[in-house]
C-alpha atoms as a PDB file:
ATOM      1  CA  MET A   1     -13.267  -6.520  -4.972  1.00  0.00           C
ATOM      2  CA  ALA A   2     -16.092  -4.735  -6.774  1.00  0.00           C
ATOM      3  CA  ALA A   3     -16.655  -2.614  -3.668  1.00  0.00           C
ATOM      4  CA  VAL A   4     -12.990  -1.586  -3.635  1.00  0.00           C
ATOM      5  CA  GLU A   5     -13.117  -0.666  -7.305  1.00  0.00           C
ATOM      6  CA  ALA A   6     -16.269   1.386  -6.793  1.00  0.00           C
ATOM      7  CA  LYS A   7     -14.769   3.242  -3.831  1.00  0.00           C
ATOM      8  CA  ALA A   8     -11.526   3.882  -5.744  1.00  0.00           C
ATOM      9  CA  GLN A   9     -13.566   5.332  -8.608  1.00  0.00           C
ATOM     10  CA  GLN A  10     -15.343   7.534  -6.068  1.00  0.00           C
ATOM     11  CA  VAL A  11     -11.969   8.874  -4.868  1.00  0.00           C
ATOM     12  CA  LEU A  12     -11.088   9.733  -8.471  1.00  0.00           C
ATOM     13  CA  ALA A  13     -14.476  11.378  -9.005  1.00  0.00           C
ATOM     14  CA  VAL A  14     -14.053  13.544  -5.917  1.00  0.00           C
ATOM     15  CA  ARG A  15     -10.551  14.546  -7.025  1.00  0.00           C
ATOM     16  CA  GLN A  16     -12.009  15.665 -10.377  1.00  0.00           C
ATOM     17  CA  GLN A  17     -14.121  18.183  -8.471  1.00  0.00           C
ATOM     18  CA  PHE A  18     -10.881  20.090  -7.823  1.00  0.00           C
ATOM     19  CA  PRO A  19      -9.240  20.338 -11.268  1.00  0.00           C
ATOM     20  CA  ASP A  20      -7.115  23.363 -10.395  1.00  0.00           C
ATOM     21  CA  GLU A  21      -5.599  21.811  -7.256  1.00  0.00           C
ATOM     22  CA  SER A  22      -2.356  19.868  -7.244  1.00  0.00           C
ATOM     23  CA  LEU A  23      -2.138  16.451  -5.592  1.00  0.00           C
ATOM     24  CA  ALA A  24       0.154  18.060  -3.021  1.00  0.00           C
ATOM     25  CA  THR A  25      -2.617  20.473  -2.071  1.00  0.00           C
ATOM     26  CA  LEU A  26      -5.381  17.882  -2.214  1.00  0.00           C
ATOM     27  CA  TYR A  27      -3.467  15.524   0.080  1.00  0.00           C
ATOM     28  CA  ASP A  28      -2.076  18.094   2.508  1.00  0.00           C
ATOM     29  CA  PRO A  29      -3.590  17.112   5.882  1.00  0.00           C
ATOM     30  CA  LEU A  30      -4.345  20.767   6.584  1.00  0.00           C
ATOM     31  CA  THR A  31      -6.116  21.490   3.291  1.00  0.00           C
ATOM     32  CA  MET A  32      -7.538  18.132   2.157  1.00  0.00           C
ATOM     33  CA  PRO A  33     -11.168  18.656   1.148  1.00  0.00           C
ATOM     34  CA  PRO A  34     -13.605  16.906   3.520  1.00  0.00           C
ATOM     35  CA  ALA A  35     -15.239  15.068   0.596  1.00  0.00           C
ATOM     36  CA  LEU A  36     -11.873  13.568  -0.328  1.00  0.00           C
ATOM     37  CA  VAL A  37     -11.179  12.574   3.267  1.00  0.00           C
ATOM     38  CA  LYS A  38     -14.563  10.824   3.373  1.00  0.00           C
ATOM     39  CA  ALA A  39     -13.984   9.076   0.028  1.00  0.00           C
ATOM     40  CA  HIS A  40     -10.634   7.734   1.239  1.00  0.00           C
ATOM     41  CA  GLN A  41     -12.128   6.580   4.536  1.00  0.00           C
ATOM     42  CA  GLU A  42     -14.780   4.644   2.623  1.00  0.00           C
ATOM     43  CA  LEU A  43     -12.104   3.140   0.367  1.00  0.00           C
ATOM     44  CA  ASP A  44     -10.087   2.128   3.430  1.00  0.00           C
ATOM     45  CA  ARG A  45     -13.120   0.379   4.914  1.00  0.00           C
ATOM     46  CA  ALA A  46     -13.755  -1.496   1.651  1.00  0.00           C
ATOM     47  CA  VAL A  47     -10.121  -2.638   1.536  1.00  0.00           C
ATOM     48  CA  ASP A  48     -10.270  -3.659   5.214  1.00  0.00           C
ATOM     49  CA  LEU A  49     -13.215  -5.933   4.476  1.00  0.00           C
ATOM     50  CA  CYS A  50     -11.124  -7.792   1.902  1.00  0.00           C
ATOM     51  CA  TYR A  51      -8.875  -8.968   4.732  1.00  0.00           C
ATOM     52  CA  ARG A  52     -11.152  -9.340   7.740  1.00  0.00           C
ATOM     53  CA  PRO A  53     -14.817  -9.022   8.735  1.00  0.00           C
ATOM     54  CA  ALA A  54     -14.398  -5.746  10.632  1.00  0.00           C
ATOM     55  CA  ALA A  55     -12.550  -2.538   9.898  1.00  0.00           C
ATOM     56  CA  PHE A  56      -9.163  -2.005  11.497  1.00  0.00           C
ATOM     57  CA  PRO A  57      -9.419   0.088  14.655  1.00  0.00           C
ATOM     58  CA  THR A  58      -6.540   2.391  13.701  1.00  0.00           C
ATOM     59  CA  GLU A  59      -4.489   3.394  10.682  1.00  0.00           C
ATOM     60  CA  LEU A  60      -1.420   1.932  12.408  1.00  0.00           C
ATOM     61  CA  SER A  61      -3.065  -1.473  12.881  1.00  0.00           C
ATOM     62  CA  ARG A  62      -4.019  -1.471   9.178  1.00  0.00           C
ATOM     63  CA  LEU A  63      -0.449  -0.673   8.126  1.00  0.00           C
ATOM     64  CA  GLU A  64       1.059  -3.278  10.458  1.00  0.00           C
ATOM     65  CA  PHE A  65      -1.280  -5.940   9.087  1.00  0.00           C
ATOM     66  CA  LEU A  66      -0.639  -5.044   5.442  1.00  0.00           C
ATOM     67  CA  PHE A  67       3.146  -4.899   5.882  1.00  0.00           C
ATOM     68  CA  GLU A  68       3.076  -8.306   7.581  1.00  0.00           C
ATOM     69  CA  GLN A  69       1.064  -9.693   4.661  1.00  0.00           C
ATOM     70  CA  TYR A  70       3.625  -8.238   2.269  1.00  0.00           C
ATOM     71  CA  ARG A  71       6.508  -9.694   4.290  1.00  0.00           C
ATOM     72  CA  GLN A  72       4.955 -13.157   4.162  1.00  0.00           C
ATOM     73  CA  LEU A  73       4.332 -12.936   0.418  1.00  0.00           C
ATOM     74  CA  ALA A  74       7.808 -11.591  -0.346  1.00  0.00           C
ATOM     75  CA  ALA A  75       9.740 -13.977   1.939  1.00  0.00           C
ATOM     76  CA  PRO A  76       9.929 -16.843  -0.595  1.00  0.00           C
ATOM     77  CA  LEU A  77      11.328 -14.424  -3.182  1.00  0.00           C
ATOM     78  CA  LEU A  78      14.206 -13.223  -1.015  1.00  0.00           C
ATOM     79  CA  PRO A  79      17.527 -15.064  -0.712  1.00  0.00           C
ATOM     80  CA  VAL A  80      18.175 -16.958   2.505  1.00  0.00           C
ATOM     81  CA  ALA A  81      20.625 -15.074   4.706  1.00  0.00           C
ATOM     82  CA  GLY A  82      24.178 -16.307   4.243  1.00  0.00           C
ATOM     83  CA  SER A  83      23.634 -18.061   0.916  1.00  0.00           C
ATOM     84  CA  ALA A  84      25.137 -16.947  -2.371  1.00  0.00           C
ATOM     85  CA  PRO A  85      22.781 -16.204  -5.261  1.00  0.00           C
ATOM     86  CA  LYS A  86      22.232 -19.198  -7.552  1.00  0.00           C
ATOM     87  CA  GLY A  87      24.104 -19.253 -10.832  1.00  0.00           C
ATOM     88  CA  ARG A  88      27.114 -17.384  -9.529  1.00  0.00           C
ATOM     89  CA  ARG A  89      30.395 -18.912  -8.531  1.00  0.00           C
ATOM     90  CA  LYS A  90      32.877 -17.351  -6.209  1.00  0.00           C
ATOM     91  CA  ALA A  91      35.928 -16.041  -7.980  1.00  0.00           C
ATOM     92  CA  ALA A  92      39.123 -18.037  -7.506  1.00  0.00           C
ATOM     93  CA  PRO A  93      41.672 -16.339  -5.276  1.00  0.00           C
ATOM     94  CA  ALA A  94      44.319 -14.426  -7.186  1.00  0.00           C
ATOM     95  CA  THR A  95      47.768 -16.003  -7.317  1.00  0.00           C
ATOM     96  CA  GLU A  96      51.026 -14.160  -7.600  1.00  0.00           C
END
């Protein structure tokens, strides 16, 4: 985790080199400064190593892995399909 924190701080330090640029400009794929691209690549590699011994081969494989991890962590928090939320009773049918 210390490596991730250090690399995240490096991203922030590189961004400070461009105080007059908006985040939209800094993160536009066509205008992103090479130093910022490199800092983010290094951060990505540090995060990858938190999950596995080698970096992910592609950005897509990284995203698929992380979304699957999120799905597994969130699954116990989500209601089971077809069940009513606890603590709520169905309303009695209206009578005329």
